[in-house]
């Protein structure tokens, strides 16, 4: 059986974002109508209840570990139930938390070679001492078992695959045209399976559009944690907090004929959960009409501390 713990459910900046005073951020900040704050996107998965793997390392990782007792040291003066990290891209809100894991702890770090090259080129990540952190390459469409630093399998199988998206914002190069230098490995999705019972789910925190190939891959699945960043493509502009659209940032909107609710409607996915939700998205408000719509369409809105068993 797989257990999933949502450490962080918000997009970059969290909710409320520290400098955002939009209607949604203001409501969350003031605790209006039962709203709760959310930290930046990350999940933890285990198949044995003892060793956990992080899927992305949020800038909020320190507080996420503190808030979730499953992540606390259990034995000896130095210990962590965290056996490693797997990265889906090089976004700041997915890699900055690696710096929290620098304190002489054995870890495995899985990523596509593209993301590993980004980490190698930025010397601040050299604090991840190679004597303790084993960097392992993750290849597209190849199934592998997650292993700890000692090489022991954890009973969790992962398969990475390309997802429509874009290069991380901080790596964009406008001289390289409309795709800003986007390459293979800049945005990936993961199928995560139990080697014991075969139960599986998909983790896709960023996706720019639904393709026929991707729809075919995820249909009939047990569960999906999917990109919930924006309700509308022009949400940032409409909220008067920014000018970038969802498409410009590499994210599908939830609503509309081109949105994820419509795209996944007929794929027979047993459980659909939004994650990586922007601080402007009204689905964060429990009593909003938008929350009602997503729930009527069979979706859940993830929250920090959410526990899932498959």
C-alpha atoms as a PDB file:
ATOM      1  CA  UNK A   1       0.000   0.000   0.000  1.00  0.00           C
ATOM      2  CA  UNK A   2       1.204   3.475  -0.843  1.00  0.00           C
ATOM      3  CA  UNK A   3       0.749   6.379   1.543  1.00  0.00           C
ATOM      4  CA  UNK A   4       0.898   9.926   0.237  1.00  0.00           C
ATOM      5  CA  UNK A   5       1.358  12.968   2.456  1.00  0.00           C
ATOM      6  CA  UNK A   6       0.778  16.401   0.940  1.00  0.00           C
ATOM      7  CA  UNK A   7       3.475  18.572   2.490  1.00  0.00           C
ATOM      8  CA  UNK A   8       2.595  21.636   0.424  1.00  0.00           C
ATOM      9  CA  UNK A   9      -0.362  22.263  -1.878  1.00  0.00           C
ATOM     10  CA  UNK A  10       0.181  25.816  -3.151  1.00  0.00           C
ATOM     11  CA  UNK A  11       2.072  27.142  -6.144  1.00  0.00           C
ATOM     12  CA  UNK A  12       5.225  29.269  -5.901  1.00  0.00           C
ATOM     13  CA  UNK A  13       4.981  31.821  -3.106  1.00  0.00           C
ATOM     14  CA  UNK A  14       2.455  29.795  -1.109  1.00  0.00           C
ATOM     15  CA  UNK A  15      -0.989  31.012  -0.109  1.00  0.00           C
ATOM     16  CA  UNK A  16      -1.236  33.705   0.928  1.00  0.00           C
ATOM     17  CA  UNK A  17       1.862  34.842  -0.931  1.00  0.00           C
ATOM     18  CA  UNK A  18       3.890  37.156   1.278  1.00  0.00           C
ATOM     19  CA  UNK A  19       3.363  40.273  -0.866  1.00  0.00           C
ATOM     20  CA  UNK A  20      -0.025  39.493  -2.435  1.00  0.00           C
ATOM     21  CA  UNK A  21      -3.153  41.320  -1.311  1.00  0.00           C
ATOM     22  CA  UNK A  22      -5.565  39.936  -3.892  1.00  0.00           C
ATOM     23  CA  UNK A  23      -9.096  39.037  -2.824  1.00  0.00           C
ATOM     24  CA  UNK A  24      -8.208  35.391  -2.339  1.00  0.00           C
ATOM     25  CA  UNK A  25      -4.916  36.087  -0.534  1.00  0.00           C
ATOM     26  CA  UNK A  26      -6.618  38.576   1.749  1.00  0.00           C
ATOM     27  CA  UNK A  27      -9.350  36.074   2.621  1.00  0.00           C
ATOM     28  CA  UNK A  28      -6.803  33.360   3.412  1.00  0.00           C
ATOM     29  CA  UNK A  29      -4.640  35.739   5.451  1.00  0.00           C
ATOM     30  CA  UNK A  30      -7.643  36.691   7.554  1.00  0.00           C
ATOM     31  CA  UNK A  31      -8.974  33.135   7.873  1.00  0.00           C
ATOM     32  CA  UNK A  32     -12.262  34.081   6.217  1.00  0.00           C
ATOM     33  CA  UNK A  33     -14.912  31.365   5.835  1.00  0.00           C
ATOM     34  CA  UNK A  34     -12.681  28.566   7.028  1.00  0.00           C
ATOM     35  CA  UNK A  35      -9.784  29.235   4.645  1.00  0.00           C
ATOM     36  CA  UNK A  36      -6.355  27.897   5.551  1.00  0.00           C
ATOM     37  CA  UNK A  37      -2.852  28.862   4.516  1.00  0.00           C
ATOM     38  CA  UNK A  38      -0.850  26.582   2.215  1.00  0.00           C
ATOM     39  CA  UNK A  39       2.862  26.120   1.691  1.00  0.00           C
ATOM     40  CA  UNK A  40       4.611  25.515  -1.616  1.00  0.00           C
ATOM     41  CA  UNK A  41       4.020  22.289  -3.529  1.00  0.00           C
ATOM     42  CA  UNK A  42       5.624  19.028  -2.390  1.00  0.00           C
ATOM     43  CA  UNK A  43       4.473  15.522  -1.475  1.00  0.00           C
ATOM     44  CA  UNK A  44       6.013  12.607   0.421  1.00  0.00           C
ATOM     45  CA  UNK A  45       5.369   8.941  -0.389  1.00  0.00           C
ATOM     46  CA  UNK A  46       6.083   5.697   1.486  1.00  0.00           C
ATOM     47  CA  UNK A  47       5.392   2.014   0.907  1.00  0.00           C
ATOM     48  CA  UNK A  48       6.639   0.778   4.295  1.00  0.00           C
ATOM     49  CA  UNK A  49       5.680   3.556   6.761  1.00  0.00           C
ATOM     50  CA  UNK A  50       9.333   4.022   7.743  1.00  0.00           C
ATOM     51  CA  UNK A  51      11.188   5.428   4.748  1.00  0.00           C
ATOM     52  CA  UNK A  52       9.714   8.333   2.804  1.00  0.00           C
ATOM     53  CA  UNK A  53      10.641   9.898  -0.505  1.00  0.00           C
ATOM     54  CA  UNK A  54      10.013  13.573  -1.220  1.00  0.00           C
ATOM     55  CA  UNK A  55       8.633  14.521  -4.609  1.00  0.00           C
ATOM     56  CA  UNK A  56      10.036  18.016  -5.101  1.00  0.00           C
ATOM     57  CA  UNK A  57      11.713  20.017  -2.360  1.00  0.00           C
ATOM     58  CA  UNK A  58       9.778  23.148  -1.515  1.00  0.00           C
ATOM     59  CA  UNK A  59      11.395  26.321  -0.127  1.00  0.00           C
ATOM     60  CA  UNK A  60       9.055  25.694   2.833  1.00  0.00           C
ATOM     61  CA  UNK A  61      10.491  22.229   3.485  1.00  0.00           C
ATOM     62  CA  UNK A  62      11.813  23.058   6.956  1.00  0.00           C
ATOM     63  CA  UNK A  63       8.403  24.107   8.252  1.00  0.00           C
ATOM     64  CA  UNK A  64       6.723  21.237   6.398  1.00  0.00           C
ATOM     65  CA  UNK A  65       8.964  18.718   8.173  1.00  0.00           C
ATOM     66  CA  UNK A  66       8.236  20.393  11.502  1.00  0.00           C
ATOM     67  CA  UNK A  67       4.461  20.274  10.984  1.00  0.00           C
ATOM     68  CA  UNK A  68       4.300  16.609   9.978  1.00  0.00           C
ATOM     69  CA  UNK A  69       5.448  14.110  12.612  1.00  0.00           C
ATOM     70  CA  UNK A  70       5.950  11.434   9.936  1.00  0.00           C
ATOM     71  CA  UNK A  71       9.003  13.455   8.846  1.00  0.00           C
ATOM     72  CA  UNK A  72      10.551  13.759  12.334  1.00  0.00           C
ATOM     73  CA  UNK A  73      13.773  11.998  13.414  1.00  0.00           C
ATOM     74  CA  UNK A  74      12.978   8.717  15.189  1.00  0.00           C
ATOM     75  CA  UNK A  75      16.265   7.167  16.371  1.00  0.00           C
ATOM     76  CA  UNK A  76      19.842   8.206  17.195  1.00  0.00           C
ATOM     77  CA  UNK A  77      21.161  11.742  17.454  1.00  0.00           C
ATOM     78  CA  UNK A  78      20.991  12.216  13.680  1.00  0.00           C
ATOM     79  CA  UNK A  79      18.207  10.513  11.762  1.00  0.00           C
ATOM     80  CA  UNK A  80      15.540  11.234   9.179  1.00  0.00           C
ATOM     81  CA  UNK A  81      12.785   9.069   7.699  1.00  0.00           C
ATOM     82  CA  UNK A  82      13.434  10.953   4.433  1.00  0.00           C
ATOM     83  CA  UNK A  83      15.438   8.607   2.195  1.00  0.00           C
ATOM     84  CA  UNK A  84      15.597  10.842  -0.846  1.00  0.00           C
ATOM     85  CA  UNK A  85      14.113  13.360  -3.244  1.00  0.00           C
ATOM     86  CA  UNK A  86      12.861  13.170  -6.799  1.00  0.00           C
ATOM     87  CA  UNK A  87      12.486  16.363  -8.864  1.00  0.00           C
ATOM     88  CA  UNK A  88       9.964  17.043 -11.632  1.00  0.00           C
ATOM     89  CA  UNK A  89      11.642  20.246 -12.851  1.00  0.00           C
ATOM     90  CA  UNK A  90      14.081  22.985 -11.906  1.00  0.00           C
ATOM     91  CA  UNK A  91      11.571  25.548 -10.621  1.00  0.00           C
ATOM     92  CA  UNK A  92      12.638  27.472  -7.531  1.00  0.00           C
ATOM     93  CA  UNK A  93       9.593  26.200  -5.659  1.00  0.00           C
ATOM     94  CA  UNK A  94      10.716  22.620  -6.365  1.00  0.00           C
ATOM     95  CA  UNK A  95      14.488  22.755  -5.780  1.00  0.00           C
ATOM     96  CA  UNK A  96      15.140  25.455  -3.159  1.00  0.00           C
ATOM     97  CA  UNK A  97      14.232  23.055  -0.351  1.00  0.00           C
ATOM     98  CA  UNK A  98      17.264  20.938  -1.221  1.00  0.00           C
ATOM     99  CA  UNK A  99      19.307  23.476   0.722  1.00  0.00           C
ATOM    100  CA  UNK A 100      17.429  22.472   3.872  1.00  0.00           C
ATOM    101  CA  UNK A 101      18.687  18.897   3.424  1.00  0.00           C
ATOM    102  CA  UNK A 102      22.382  19.779   3.568  1.00  0.00           C
ATOM    103  CA  UNK A 103      23.153  18.604   7.105  1.00  0.00           C
ATOM    104  CA  UNK A 104      25.201  15.399   6.621  1.00  0.00           C
ATOM    105  CA  UNK A 105      22.262  13.080   5.951  1.00  0.00           C
ATOM    106  CA  UNK A 106      22.345  10.134   3.539  1.00  0.00           C
ATOM    107  CA  UNK A 107      19.978  10.802   0.647  1.00  0.00           C
ATOM    108  CA  UNK A 108      19.302   9.764  -2.934  1.00  0.00           C
ATOM    109  CA  UNK A 109      18.513  12.588  -5.371  1.00  0.00           C
ATOM    110  CA  UNK A 110      16.760  11.573  -8.582  1.00  0.00           C
ATOM    111  CA  UNK A 111      16.250  13.982 -11.487  1.00  0.00           C
ATOM    112  CA  UNK A 112      16.427  14.176 -15.254  1.00  0.00           C
ATOM    113  CA  UNK A 113      19.908  14.990 -16.540  1.00  0.00           C
ATOM    114  CA  UNK A 114      18.596  18.422 -17.550  1.00  0.00           C
ATOM    115  CA  UNK A 115      17.759  19.288 -13.926  1.00  0.00           C
ATOM    116  CA  UNK A 116      20.961  17.716 -12.601  1.00  0.00           C
ATOM    117  CA  UNK A 117      22.923  19.983 -14.970  1.00  0.00           C
ATOM    118  CA  UNK A 118      21.103  23.029 -13.603  1.00  0.00           C
ATOM    119  CA  UNK A 119      21.996  22.040 -10.039  1.00  0.00           C
ATOM    120  CA  UNK A 120      25.621  21.388 -11.029  1.00  0.00           C
ATOM    121  CA  UNK A 121      25.933  24.789 -12.714  1.00  0.00           C
ATOM    122  CA  UNK A 122      24.719  26.609  -9.585  1.00  0.00           C
ATOM    123  CA  UNK A 123      27.382  26.251  -6.929  1.00  0.00           C
ATOM    124  CA  UNK A 124      25.058  26.905  -4.001  1.00  0.00           C
ATOM    125  CA  UNK A 125      23.847  23.314  -4.416  1.00  0.00           C
ATOM    126  CA  UNK A 126      27.377  22.094  -3.693  1.00  0.00           C
ATOM    127  CA  UNK A 127      26.303  22.156  -0.038  1.00  0.00           C
ATOM    128  CA  UNK A 128      24.766  18.766  -0.872  1.00  0.00           C
ATOM    129  CA  UNK A 129      27.897  16.860   0.064  1.00  0.00           C
ATOM    130  CA  UNK A 130      28.450  14.003  -2.453  1.00  0.00           C
ATOM    131  CA  UNK A 131      29.669  11.821   0.415  1.00  0.00           C
ATOM    132  CA  UNK A 132      26.081  11.840   1.669  1.00  0.00           C
ATOM    133  CA  UNK A 133      23.897  12.756  -1.326  1.00  0.00           C
ATOM    134  CA  UNK A 134      23.919  10.349  -4.266  1.00  0.00           C
ATOM    135  CA  UNK A 135      22.746  12.115  -7.456  1.00  0.00           C
ATOM    136  CA  UNK A 136      21.007   9.649  -9.776  1.00  0.00           C
ATOM    137  CA  UNK A 137      19.796  10.206 -13.318  1.00  0.00           C
ATOM    138  CA  UNK A 138      16.166   9.571 -14.163  1.00  0.00           C
ATOM    139  CA  UNK A 139      15.504   8.669 -17.812  1.00  0.00           C
ATOM    140  CA  UNK A 140      12.240   9.177 -19.650  1.00  0.00           C
ATOM    141  CA  UNK A 141       9.851   6.224 -19.970  1.00  0.00           C
ATOM    142  CA  UNK A 142      12.066   3.866 -17.960  1.00  0.00           C
ATOM    143  CA  UNK A 143      10.615   2.212 -14.868  1.00  0.00           C
ATOM    144  CA  UNK A 144      12.848   1.989 -11.814  1.00  0.00           C
ATOM    145  CA  UNK A 145      12.570   1.308  -8.104  1.00  0.00           C
ATOM    146  CA  UNK A 146      13.409   4.102  -5.704  1.00  0.00           C
ATOM    147  CA  UNK A 147      16.399   3.162  -3.549  1.00  0.00           C
ATOM    148  CA  UNK A 148      17.990   4.755  -0.533  1.00  0.00           C
ATOM    149  CA  UNK A 149      21.639   5.799  -0.392  1.00  0.00           C
ATOM    150  CA  UNK A 150      22.643   2.257   0.626  1.00  0.00           C
ATOM    151  CA  UNK A 151      20.964   0.806  -2.455  1.00  0.00           C
ATOM    152  CA  UNK A 152      18.038  -0.805  -0.668  1.00  0.00           C
ATOM    153  CA  UNK A 153      14.754  -0.747  -2.590  1.00  0.00           C
ATOM    154  CA  UNK A 154      11.769   0.977  -0.995  1.00  0.00           C
ATOM    155  CA  UNK A 155       9.015  -0.866  -2.855  1.00  0.00           C
ATOM    156  CA  UNK A 156       8.085   2.196  -4.912  1.00  0.00           C
ATOM    157  CA  UNK A 157       8.377   2.139  -8.696  1.00  0.00           C
ATOM    158  CA  UNK A 158       8.576   5.372 -10.698  1.00  0.00           C
ATOM    159  CA  UNK A 159       8.244   6.092 -14.388  1.00  0.00           C
ATOM    160  CA  UNK A 160       9.009   9.589 -15.697  1.00  0.00           C
ATOM    161  CA  UNK A 161       7.545  11.013 -18.889  1.00  0.00           C
ATOM    162  CA  UNK A 162       7.571  14.274 -20.808  1.00  0.00           C
ATOM    163  CA  UNK A 163       4.743  16.741 -20.139  1.00  0.00           C
ATOM    164  CA  UNK A 164       3.967  19.914 -22.143  1.00  0.00           C
ATOM    165  CA  UNK A 165       5.520  22.795 -20.252  1.00  0.00           C
ATOM    166  CA  UNK A 166       8.403  25.238 -20.206  1.00  0.00           C
ATOM    167  CA  UNK A 167      11.777  25.944 -18.738  1.00  0.00           C
ATOM    168  CA  UNK A 168      11.916  27.227 -15.160  1.00  0.00           C
ATOM    169  CA  UNK A 169      11.304  30.977 -14.951  1.00  0.00           C
ATOM    170  CA  UNK A 170      14.737  31.743 -13.531  1.00  0.00           C
ATOM    171  CA  UNK A 171      16.408  29.886 -16.425  1.00  0.00           C
ATOM    172  CA  UNK A 172      14.519  31.567 -19.272  1.00  0.00           C
ATOM    173  CA  UNK A 173      16.582  32.959 -22.151  1.00  0.00           C
ATOM    174  CA  UNK A 174      14.598  35.381 -24.327  1.00  0.00           C
ATOM    175  CA  UNK A 175      17.249  35.201 -27.052  1.00  0.00           C
ATOM    176  CA  UNK A 176      16.167  31.606 -27.738  1.00  0.00           C
ATOM    177  CA  UNK A 177      12.707  32.459 -29.043  1.00  0.00           C
ATOM    178  CA  UNK A 178       9.182  31.845 -27.849  1.00  0.00           C
ATOM    179  CA  UNK A 179      10.081  28.738 -25.858  1.00  0.00           C
ATOM    180  CA  UNK A 180      12.840  30.565 -23.932  1.00  0.00           C
ATOM    181  CA  UNK A 181      15.246  27.653 -24.377  1.00  0.00           C
ATOM    182  CA  UNK A 182      12.935  24.912 -23.144  1.00  0.00           C
ATOM    183  CA  UNK A 183      14.452  21.442 -23.511  1.00  0.00           C
ATOM    184  CA  UNK A 184      13.466  17.835 -22.825  1.00  0.00           C
ATOM    185  CA  UNK A 185      13.408  17.272 -19.092  1.00  0.00           C
ATOM    186  CA  UNK A 186      12.266  20.781 -18.163  1.00  0.00           C
ATOM    187  CA  UNK A 187       8.774  19.530 -17.235  1.00  0.00           C
ATOM    188  CA  UNK A 188       7.995  15.916 -16.425  1.00  0.00           C
ATOM    189  CA  UNK A 189       5.197  13.884 -14.934  1.00  0.00           C
ATOM    190  CA  UNK A 190       5.552  10.747 -12.835  1.00  0.00           C
ATOM    191  CA  UNK A 191       3.685   7.480 -12.490  1.00  0.00           C
ATOM    192  CA  UNK A 192       4.255   6.187  -8.959  1.00  0.00           C
ATOM    193  CA  UNK A 193       3.408   2.552  -8.201  1.00  0.00           C
ATOM    194  CA  UNK A 194       3.552   0.071  -5.349  1.00  0.00           C
ATOM    195  CA  UNK A 195       5.673  -2.939  -6.272  1.00  0.00           C
ATOM    196  CA  UNK A 196       3.692  -5.006  -3.757  1.00  0.00           C
ATOM    197  CA  UNK A 197       0.113  -4.555  -4.949  1.00  0.00           C
ATOM    198  CA  UNK A 198       0.437  -2.575  -8.192  1.00  0.00           C
ATOM    199  CA  UNK A 199      -1.650   0.381  -7.000  1.00  0.00           C
ATOM    200  CA  UNK A 200      -0.480   3.574  -8.655  1.00  0.00           C
ATOM    201  CA  UNK A 201      -1.100   7.268  -9.156  1.00  0.00           C
ATOM    202  CA  UNK A 202       0.130  10.110 -11.323  1.00  0.00           C
ATOM    203  CA  UNK A 203       1.862  13.252 -10.049  1.00  0.00           C
ATOM    204  CA  UNK A 204       1.809  16.121 -12.557  1.00  0.00           C
ATOM    205  CA  UNK A 205       2.192  19.463 -10.727  1.00  0.00           C
ATOM    206  CA  UNK A 206       2.846  21.394 -13.957  1.00  0.00           C
ATOM    207  CA  UNK A 207       1.232  20.876 -17.362  1.00  0.00           C
ATOM    208  CA  UNK A 208       0.712  23.425 -20.125  1.00  0.00           C
ATOM    209  CA  UNK A 209      -1.845  21.440 -22.143  1.00  0.00           C
ATOM    210  CA  UNK A 210      -3.446  18.027 -22.475  1.00  0.00           C
ATOM    211  CA  UNK A 211      -2.247  16.009 -25.451  1.00  0.00           C
ATOM    212  CA  UNK A 212      -3.757  12.811 -26.828  1.00  0.00           C
ATOM    213  CA  UNK A 213      -0.644  10.931 -25.730  1.00  0.00           C
ATOM    214  CA  UNK A 214      -0.857  12.222 -22.166  1.00  0.00           C
ATOM    215  CA  UNK A 215      -4.606  11.539 -21.960  1.00  0.00           C
ATOM    216  CA  UNK A 216      -4.024   7.966 -23.103  1.00  0.00           C
ATOM    217  CA  UNK A 217      -1.319   7.505 -20.462  1.00  0.00           C
ATOM    218  CA  UNK A 218      -3.355   8.707 -17.482  1.00  0.00           C
ATOM    219  CA  UNK A 219      -6.806   7.323 -18.349  1.00  0.00           C
ATOM    220  CA  UNK A 220      -8.329   4.642 -16.074  1.00  0.00           C
ATOM    221  CA  UNK A 221      -5.810   5.422 -13.328  1.00  0.00           C
ATOM    222  CA  UNK A 222      -6.438   5.078  -9.590  1.00  0.00           C
ATOM    223  CA  UNK A 223      -5.590   8.702  -8.824  1.00  0.00           C
ATOM    224  CA  UNK A 224      -3.975  11.835 -10.191  1.00  0.00           C
ATOM    225  CA  UNK A 225      -2.465  14.844  -8.434  1.00  0.00           C
ATOM    226  CA  UNK A 226      -2.645  17.460 -11.170  1.00  0.00           C
ATOM    227  CA  UNK A 227      -1.641  21.050 -11.892  1.00  0.00           C
ATOM    228  CA  UNK A 228      -4.267  23.284 -10.252  1.00  0.00           C
ATOM    229  CA  UNK A 229      -2.422  26.584 -10.597  1.00  0.00           C
ATOM    230  CA  UNK A 230      -5.054  28.891 -12.072  1.00  0.00           C
ATOM    231  CA  UNK A 231      -8.826  28.945 -12.457  1.00  0.00           C
ATOM    232  CA  UNK A 232      -8.618  31.067 -15.611  1.00  0.00           C
ATOM    233  CA  UNK A 233      -5.757  31.596 -18.039  1.00  0.00           C
ATOM    234  CA  UNK A 234      -5.812  35.394 -17.483  1.00  0.00           C
ATOM    235  CA  UNK A 235      -6.362  35.157 -13.734  1.00  0.00           C
ATOM    236  CA  UNK A 236      -3.203  37.038 -12.766  1.00  0.00           C
ATOM    237  CA  UNK A 237      -4.118  39.982 -14.973  1.00  0.00           C
ATOM    238  CA  UNK A 238      -7.766  39.924 -13.925  1.00  0.00           C
ATOM    239  CA  UNK A 239      -6.675  39.963 -10.272  1.00  0.00           C
ATOM    240  CA  UNK A 240      -4.356  42.904 -11.093  1.00  0.00           C
ATOM    241  CA  UNK A 241      -1.375  41.191  -9.480  1.00  0.00           C
ATOM    242  CA  UNK A 242       0.576  40.307 -12.627  1.00  0.00           C
ATOM    243  CA  UNK A 243       0.593  40.200 -16.400  1.00  0.00           C
ATOM    244  CA  UNK A 244       1.559  36.610 -17.171  1.00  0.00           C
ATOM    245  CA  UNK A 245      -1.055  34.128 -18.319  1.00  0.00           C
ATOM    246  CA  UNK A 246      -1.190  30.529 -17.262  1.00  0.00           C
ATOM    247  CA  UNK A 247       0.026  29.466 -20.690  1.00  0.00           C
ATOM    248  CA  UNK A 248       2.978  31.849 -20.446  1.00  0.00           C
ATOM    249  CA  UNK A 249       3.920  30.193 -17.152  1.00  0.00           C
ATOM    250  CA  UNK A 250       3.382  26.650 -18.473  1.00  0.00           C
ATOM    251  CA  UNK A 251       0.116  25.839 -16.685  1.00  0.00           C
ATOM    252  CA  UNK A 252      -3.360  24.782 -17.799  1.00  0.00           C
ATOM    253  CA  UNK A 253      -6.326  26.593 -16.311  1.00  0.00           C
ATOM    254  CA  UNK A 254      -8.913  24.602 -14.356  1.00  0.00           C
ATOM    255  CA  UNK A 255     -12.011  25.953 -16.112  1.00  0.00           C
ATOM    256  CA  UNK A 256     -13.222  26.377 -19.697  1.00  0.00           C
ATOM    257  CA  UNK A 257     -13.218  24.208 -22.791  1.00  0.00           C
ATOM    258  CA  UNK A 258      -9.404  24.241 -22.797  1.00  0.00           C
ATOM    259  CA  UNK A 259      -9.129  23.579 -19.066  1.00  0.00           C
ATOM    260  CA  UNK A 260      -8.148  20.514 -17.073  1.00  0.00           C
ATOM    261  CA  UNK A 261     -11.635  19.751 -15.775  1.00  0.00           C
ATOM    262  CA  UNK A 262     -12.848  19.352 -19.351  1.00  0.00           C
ATOM    263  CA  UNK A 263      -9.684  17.561 -20.510  1.00  0.00           C
ATOM    264  CA  UNK A 264      -9.855  14.877 -17.804  1.00  0.00           C
ATOM    265  CA  UNK A 265     -13.654  14.589 -17.668  1.00  0.00           C
ATOM    266  CA  UNK A 266     -14.004  11.383 -19.662  1.00  0.00           C
ATOM    267  CA  UNK A 267     -10.752   9.625 -18.722  1.00  0.00           C
ATOM    268  CA  UNK A 268     -12.280   7.428 -16.000  1.00  0.00           C
ATOM    269  CA  UNK A 269      -9.789   8.485 -13.327  1.00  0.00           C
ATOM    270  CA  UNK A 270     -11.029   7.277  -9.945  1.00  0.00           C
ATOM    271  CA  UNK A 271      -9.730  10.185  -7.868  1.00  0.00           C
ATOM    272  CA  UNK A 272      -8.706  13.626  -9.158  1.00  0.00           C
ATOM    273  CA  UNK A 273      -6.938  16.112  -6.890  1.00  0.00           C
ATOM    274  CA  UNK A 274      -5.647  19.594  -7.665  1.00  0.00           C
ATOM    275  CA  UNK A 275      -2.215  20.554  -6.318  1.00  0.00           C
ATOM    276  CA  UNK A 276       0.183  23.479  -6.942  1.00  0.00           C
ATOM    277  CA  UNK A 277      -2.624  26.030  -6.573  1.00  0.00           C
ATOM    278  CA  UNK A 278      -1.852  29.725  -7.011  1.00  0.00           C
ATOM    279  CA  UNK A 279      -2.707  32.216  -4.297  1.00  0.00           C
ATOM    280  CA  UNK A 280      -5.125  34.001  -6.677  1.00  0.00           C
ATOM    281  CA  UNK A 281      -7.187  30.889  -7.477  1.00  0.00           C
ATOM    282  CA  UNK A 282     -10.726  31.111  -6.019  1.00  0.00           C
ATOM    283  CA  UNK A 283     -10.927  27.315  -5.576  1.00  0.00           C
ATOM    284  CA  UNK A 284      -8.893  27.953  -2.421  1.00  0.00           C
ATOM    285  CA  UNK A 285     -12.020  29.502  -0.888  1.00  0.00           C
ATOM    286  CA  UNK A 286     -14.219  26.707   0.530  1.00  0.00           C
ATOM    287  CA  UNK A 287     -17.472  28.576  -0.086  1.00  0.00           C
ATOM    288  CA  UNK A 288     -16.699  29.961  -3.541  1.00  0.00           C
ATOM    289  CA  UNK A 289     -18.728  29.089  -6.622  1.00  0.00           C
ATOM    290  CA  UNK A 290     -15.490  27.917  -8.247  1.00  0.00           C
ATOM    291  CA  UNK A 291     -14.847  25.399  -5.441  1.00  0.00           C
ATOM    292  CA  UNK A 292     -18.386  24.119  -5.855  1.00  0.00           C
ATOM    293  CA  UNK A 293     -17.845  23.673  -9.597  1.00  0.00           C
ATOM    294  CA  UNK A 294     -14.628  21.650  -9.215  1.00  0.00           C
ATOM    295  CA  UNK A 295     -16.228  19.439  -6.581  1.00  0.00           C
ATOM    296  CA  UNK A 296     -19.306  18.885  -8.759  1.00  0.00           C
ATOM    297  CA  UNK A 297     -16.900  17.796 -11.502  1.00  0.00           C
ATOM    298  CA  UNK A 298     -15.365  15.153  -9.253  1.00  0.00           C
ATOM    299  CA  UNK A 299     -12.237  17.032  -8.156  1.00  0.00           C
ATOM    300  CA  UNK A 300     -10.751  17.551  -4.717  1.00  0.00           C
ATOM    301  CA  UNK A 301      -8.633  20.518  -3.664  1.00  0.00           C
ATOM    302  CA  UNK A 302      -5.519  19.388  -1.823  1.00  0.00           C
ATOM    303  CA  UNK A 303      -4.401  20.969   1.435  1.00  0.00           C
ATOM    304  CA  UNK A 304      -1.258  20.838   3.547  1.00  0.00           C
ATOM    305  CA  UNK A 305      -1.226  17.727   5.719  1.00  0.00           C
ATOM    306  CA  UNK A 306      -3.664  15.806   3.493  1.00  0.00           C
ATOM    307  CA  UNK A 307      -3.094  12.051   3.839  1.00  0.00           C
ATOM    308  CA  UNK A 308      -4.005   9.576   1.097  1.00  0.00           C
ATOM    309  CA  UNK A 309      -3.814   5.790   1.031  1.00  0.00           C
ATOM    310  CA  UNK A 310      -3.927   3.638  -2.087  1.00  0.00           C
END
